[in-house]
N, C-alpha and C. Protein backbone atom coordinates (compact mmCIF):
# COMPACT_ATOMS: atom_id res chain seq x y z
N MET A 1 5.22 -44.66 2.74
CA MET A 1 6.69 -43.74 3.12
C MET A 1 7.01 -43.69 4.85
N ASP A 2 7.75 -44.15 5.03
CA ASP A 2 8.25 -44.63 6.48
C ASP A 2 8.70 -42.66 6.90
N LEU A 3 8.99 -43.50 8.13
CA LEU A 3 9.04 -42.09 9.17
C LEU A 3 10.27 -40.89 8.48
N SER A 4 11.19 -41.54 8.05
CA SER A 4 12.48 -41.03 8.46
C SER A 4 12.27 -40.27 7.04
N GLN A 5 11.88 -41.30 5.71
CA GLN A 5 12.28 -40.13 4.50
C GLN A 5 10.67 -38.61 5.19
N LYS A 6 9.31 -39.02 5.73
CA LYS A 6 8.45 -38.00 5.93
C LYS A 6 8.77 -36.65 7.18
N ILE A 7 10.25 -37.00 7.85
CA ILE A 7 10.62 -36.07 8.61
C ILE A 7 11.82 -35.31 6.83
N MET A 8 12.62 -36.27 6.36
CA MET A 8 12.67 -35.41 5.33
C MET A 8 11.94 -34.39 4.64
N ALA A 9 10.57 -35.30 4.18
CA ALA A 9 10.04 -34.66 3.30
C ALA A 9 9.29 -33.04 3.81
N GLY A 10 9.88 -33.27 5.98
CA GLY A 10 9.37 -32.05 7.02
C GLY A 10 10.73 -30.39 6.62
N VAL A 11 11.87 -31.34 6.98
CA VAL A 11 12.92 -30.20 6.91
C VAL A 11 13.23 -29.55 5.30
N LEU A 12 12.97 -30.73 4.01
CA LEU A 12 12.63 -29.72 3.24
C LEU A 12 11.83 -28.68 2.59
N ALA A 13 10.79 -28.89 3.86
CA ALA A 13 9.49 -27.86 3.23
C ALA A 13 9.39 -27.46 4.01
N ALA A 14 10.22 -27.18 5.66
CA ALA A 14 11.03 -26.61 6.05
C ALA A 14 11.78 -25.02 5.94
N PHE A 15 12.40 -25.87 4.91
CA PHE A 15 13.90 -25.70 3.81
C PHE A 15 13.14 -24.26 3.08
N LEU A 16 11.93 -24.96 1.75
CA LEU A 16 11.82 -24.22 1.38
C LEU A 16 10.72 -23.30 1.84
N LEU A 17 9.86 -23.06 2.32
CA LEU A 17 9.42 -22.57 2.92
C LEU A 17 10.39 -21.02 4.14
N ILE A 18 11.19 -21.34 4.16
CA ILE A 18 11.98 -20.84 4.02
C ILE A 18 12.85 -19.87 3.55
N SER A 19 13.34 -20.38 2.46
CA SER A 19 13.86 -19.37 1.34
C SER A 19 12.63 -18.10 0.98
N LEU A 20 11.93 -18.58 0.12
CA LEU A 20 10.84 -17.89 -0.91
C LEU A 20 10.64 -16.43 0.37
N LEU A 21 9.87 -16.88 1.84
CA LEU A 21 9.72 -15.93 2.35
C LEU A 21 11.38 -14.68 2.78
N ARG A 22 12.66 -15.69 3.19
CA ARG A 22 13.41 -14.26 2.10
C ARG A 22 13.98 -13.87 1.89
N ILE A 23 13.67 -14.66 -0.19
CA ILE A 23 13.67 -13.90 -1.12
C ILE A 23 12.72 -12.90 -1.83
N PHE A 24 11.12 -13.36 -0.40
CA PHE A 24 10.21 -12.04 -1.32
C PHE A 24 10.11 -11.48 -0.07
N SER A 25 10.97 -11.84 1.29
CA SER A 25 10.26 -10.32 2.33
C SER A 25 10.67 -8.87 2.32
N ALA A 26 11.50 -8.61 1.48
CA ALA A 26 11.39 -6.96 0.67
C ALA A 26 10.63 -6.46 -0.19
N PRO A 27 9.82 -7.54 -1.34
CA PRO A 27 8.76 -7.16 -2.01
C PRO A 27 7.90 -7.43 -1.64
N ILE A 28 7.49 -8.18 -0.27
CA ILE A 28 6.54 -7.75 0.85
C ILE A 28 5.50 -6.72 1.60
N ARG A 29 6.82 -6.56 1.87
CA ARG A 29 7.30 -5.69 2.56
C ARG A 29 6.57 -4.16 2.62
N LEU A 30 7.73 -3.56 1.10
CA LEU A 30 7.18 -3.04 -0.11
C LEU A 30 5.46 -2.58 -0.41
N ALA A 31 4.73 -3.92 -0.71
CA ALA A 31 3.62 -3.67 -1.47
C ALA A 31 2.89 -3.84 0.35
N LEU A 32 3.40 -3.57 1.81
CA LEU A 32 2.50 -3.99 2.77
C LEU A 32 2.68 -2.15 2.97
N LYS A 33 4.43 -1.57 2.37
CA LYS A 33 4.17 -0.48 3.14
C LYS A 33 3.12 0.29 2.16
N VAL A 34 3.63 0.44 0.45
CA VAL A 34 2.58 0.83 -0.56
C VAL A 34 1.13 0.16 0.26
N LEU A 35 0.51 -0.11 0.76
CA LEU A 35 -1.25 -0.73 1.96
C LEU A 35 -1.51 0.42 2.38
N GLY A 36 0.02 0.41 3.43
CA GLY A 36 -0.69 1.20 3.40
C GLY A 36 -0.63 3.31 4.02
N ASN A 37 0.72 2.86 3.14
CA ASN A 37 0.08 4.70 2.84
C ASN A 37 -1.19 5.20 1.89
N THR A 38 -1.54 3.51 1.07
CA THR A 38 -2.63 4.80 -0.05
C THR A 38 -3.69 4.32 1.00
N LEU A 39 -3.72 3.83 2.34
CA LEU A 39 -5.69 3.69 3.59
C LEU A 39 -4.74 5.20 4.04
N LEU A 40 -4.34 5.33 4.61
CA LEU A 40 -3.41 6.94 4.62
C LEU A 40 -4.14 7.83 3.65
N GLY A 41 -4.13 8.08 2.51
CA GLY A 41 -3.65 8.35 1.78
C GLY A 41 -6.02 9.00 1.44
N PHE A 42 -6.75 7.78 1.53
CA PHE A 42 -7.84 7.81 1.26
C PHE A 42 -8.48 8.92 2.86
N LEU A 43 -8.35 8.08 3.75
CA LEU A 43 -8.75 8.80 4.76
C LEU A 43 -7.33 10.60 5.22
N ALA A 44 -7.45 10.96 4.43
CA ALA A 44 -6.50 12.13 3.91
C ALA A 44 -7.07 12.81 2.84
N LEU A 45 -8.12 11.79 2.06
CA LEU A 45 -9.01 12.50 0.90
C LEU A 45 -10.23 12.72 2.03
N TRP A 46 -10.59 11.69 2.17
CA TRP A 46 -12.03 12.12 3.15
C TRP A 46 -11.60 12.59 3.94
N ALA A 47 -10.96 13.59 4.85
CA ALA A 47 -10.75 14.09 5.91
C ALA A 47 -10.73 15.66 5.23
N VAL A 48 -10.15 15.91 3.29
CA VAL A 48 -9.98 17.40 2.83
C VAL A 48 -11.26 17.16 1.85
N ASN A 49 -11.89 17.09 2.16
CA ASN A 49 -14.00 16.35 2.01
C ASN A 49 -15.04 16.31 2.37
N LEU A 50 -13.97 16.14 3.81
CA LEU A 50 -15.67 16.62 5.16
C LEU A 50 -15.07 18.17 5.10
N THR A 51 -13.98 18.14 5.11
CA THR A 51 -13.92 20.25 4.72
C THR A 51 -14.08 21.29 4.41
N ALA A 52 -14.55 20.08 3.65
CA ALA A 52 -15.11 20.56 1.61
C ALA A 52 -15.66 22.17 1.54
N GLY A 53 -16.60 21.87 2.05
CA GLY A 53 -17.90 23.43 2.30
C GLY A 53 -17.57 24.81 3.48
N VAL A 54 -15.88 24.21 3.90
CA VAL A 54 -15.28 25.49 4.37
C VAL A 54 -13.98 26.46 4.31
N THR A 55 -13.28 24.71 3.39
CA THR A 55 -11.92 25.06 2.85
C THR A 55 -12.71 25.83 1.42
N GLY A 56 -13.63 24.99 0.50
CA GLY A 56 -13.88 24.58 -0.49
C GLY A 56 -12.07 23.99 -1.59
N ILE A 57 -11.90 24.00 -1.08
CA ILE A 57 -10.98 22.54 -1.73
C ILE A 57 -11.74 21.33 -1.73
N ALA A 58 -12.05 20.27 -2.81
CA ALA A 58 -12.80 18.80 -2.63
C ALA A 58 -11.77 18.29 -3.63
N LEU A 59 -11.56 17.39 -3.37
CA LEU A 59 -10.71 15.91 -4.49
C LEU A 59 -11.81 14.90 -4.41
N GLY A 60 -11.92 13.95 -5.67
CA GLY A 60 -12.32 13.25 -5.95
C GLY A 60 -11.91 11.31 -4.48
N LEU A 61 -12.25 11.04 -4.00
CA LEU A 61 -13.17 10.26 -3.15
C LEU A 61 -11.91 9.00 -3.74
N ASN A 62 -10.74 8.49 -4.37
CA ASN A 62 -10.75 7.48 -4.97
C ASN A 62 -9.69 6.71 -5.31
N LEU A 63 -9.51 5.45 -5.73
CA LEU A 63 -8.11 4.60 -5.56
C LEU A 63 -6.79 5.17 -5.92
N MET A 64 -6.57 5.74 -7.41
CA MET A 64 -5.95 6.85 -7.68
C MET A 64 -5.56 8.27 -7.18
N ASN A 65 -5.98 9.05 -6.46
CA ASN A 65 -5.27 9.72 -5.92
C ASN A 65 -5.44 9.38 -4.54
N ALA A 66 -5.33 8.26 -3.89
CA ALA A 66 -5.46 8.06 -2.88
C ALA A 66 -3.54 7.06 -2.55
N LEU A 67 -3.54 6.24 -4.31
CA LEU A 67 -1.95 6.07 -4.07
C LEU A 67 -1.43 7.05 -4.44
N VAL A 68 -1.25 8.51 -5.85
CA VAL A 68 -0.81 9.64 -5.29
C VAL A 68 -0.74 9.78 -4.08
N ILE A 69 -1.41 10.44 -2.91
CA ILE A 69 -0.80 11.47 -2.05
C ILE A 69 -0.23 9.43 -1.03
N GLY A 70 -1.13 8.85 -1.41
CA GLY A 70 -0.19 8.07 -0.53
C GLY A 70 1.53 7.32 -0.33
N ILE A 71 1.20 8.15 -1.73
CA ILE A 71 2.65 7.47 -2.66
C ILE A 71 3.66 9.31 -2.46
N LEU A 72 3.48 9.52 -2.81
CA LEU A 72 4.04 10.81 -2.75
C LEU A 72 4.16 12.10 -1.92
N GLY A 73 3.07 10.97 -0.67
CA GLY A 73 2.60 12.17 0.30
C GLY A 73 2.35 13.97 0.06
N LEU A 74 2.63 14.60 0.60
CA LEU A 74 2.56 16.07 0.81
C LEU A 74 2.32 16.62 -0.31
N PRO A 75 3.32 15.77 -1.43
CA PRO A 75 3.80 16.70 -2.71
C PRO A 75 2.38 16.04 -3.39
N GLY A 76 2.13 14.51 -3.66
CA GLY A 76 1.56 14.00 -3.87
C GLY A 76 -0.47 14.69 -3.98
N PHE A 77 -0.47 16.00 -3.06
CA PHE A 77 -1.50 16.20 -2.27
C PHE A 77 -1.90 17.29 -3.19
N VAL A 78 -0.69 17.83 -2.65
CA VAL A 78 -0.03 19.64 -3.60
C VAL A 78 -0.07 20.18 -5.72
N LEU A 79 -0.40 18.26 -5.41
CA LEU A 79 0.02 17.76 -7.47
C LEU A 79 -1.52 17.62 -7.59
N LEU A 80 -2.43 16.81 -6.86
CA LEU A 80 -3.98 17.10 -7.60
C LEU A 80 -4.46 17.44 -7.36
N LEU A 81 -4.25 19.25 -6.18
CA LEU A 81 -5.13 20.03 -6.36
C LEU A 81 -4.80 21.19 -7.31
N LEU A 82 -3.67 21.16 -7.96
CA LEU A 82 -3.21 22.41 -9.27
C LEU A 82 -2.91 21.47 -10.36
N VAL A 83 -3.74 19.73 -10.86
CA VAL A 83 -3.60 18.87 -11.99
C VAL A 83 -5.94 19.88 -11.89
N GLN A 84 -6.15 19.64 -10.61
CA GLN A 84 -8.12 20.02 -10.98
C GLN A 84 -7.85 21.89 -11.01
N TRP A 85 -6.76 22.37 -9.97
CA TRP A 85 -7.40 24.24 -10.96
C TRP A 85 -6.39 24.39 -12.41
N VAL A 86 -5.72 23.38 -12.49
CA VAL A 86 -5.79 23.49 -13.73
C VAL A 86 -6.57 22.46 -15.26
N LEU A 87 -7.37 21.62 -14.34
CA LEU A 87 -8.52 21.29 -15.49
C LEU A 87 -9.68 21.89 -15.32
C-alpha cells in the first residue's frame, strides 16, 4: 500500500466517522440526557430517604424509581407517592 492509498483510506475513515457521529448525535444526546436525569432521580430519592424519619415519606432507592423521577420529574415523584399510597 503506497502513500496515496493510505491517505485515501484515512480520508474515507474520517468521512465515515464524521457521518456516523452526525447520524447518531441526537440519540446519543438523548441517552446522555436520560442518564443524567436518572442520576438526579437517584439523588432525589436518596434525599427523600434521608428525611424519611422527619417527613414519614420513604420511597425505594432503585433504578425504576430513579428512571420514573428522572424522566417525568416532579410529576413522577408524585406518581410514585400515589402508587405507594394506593398499594
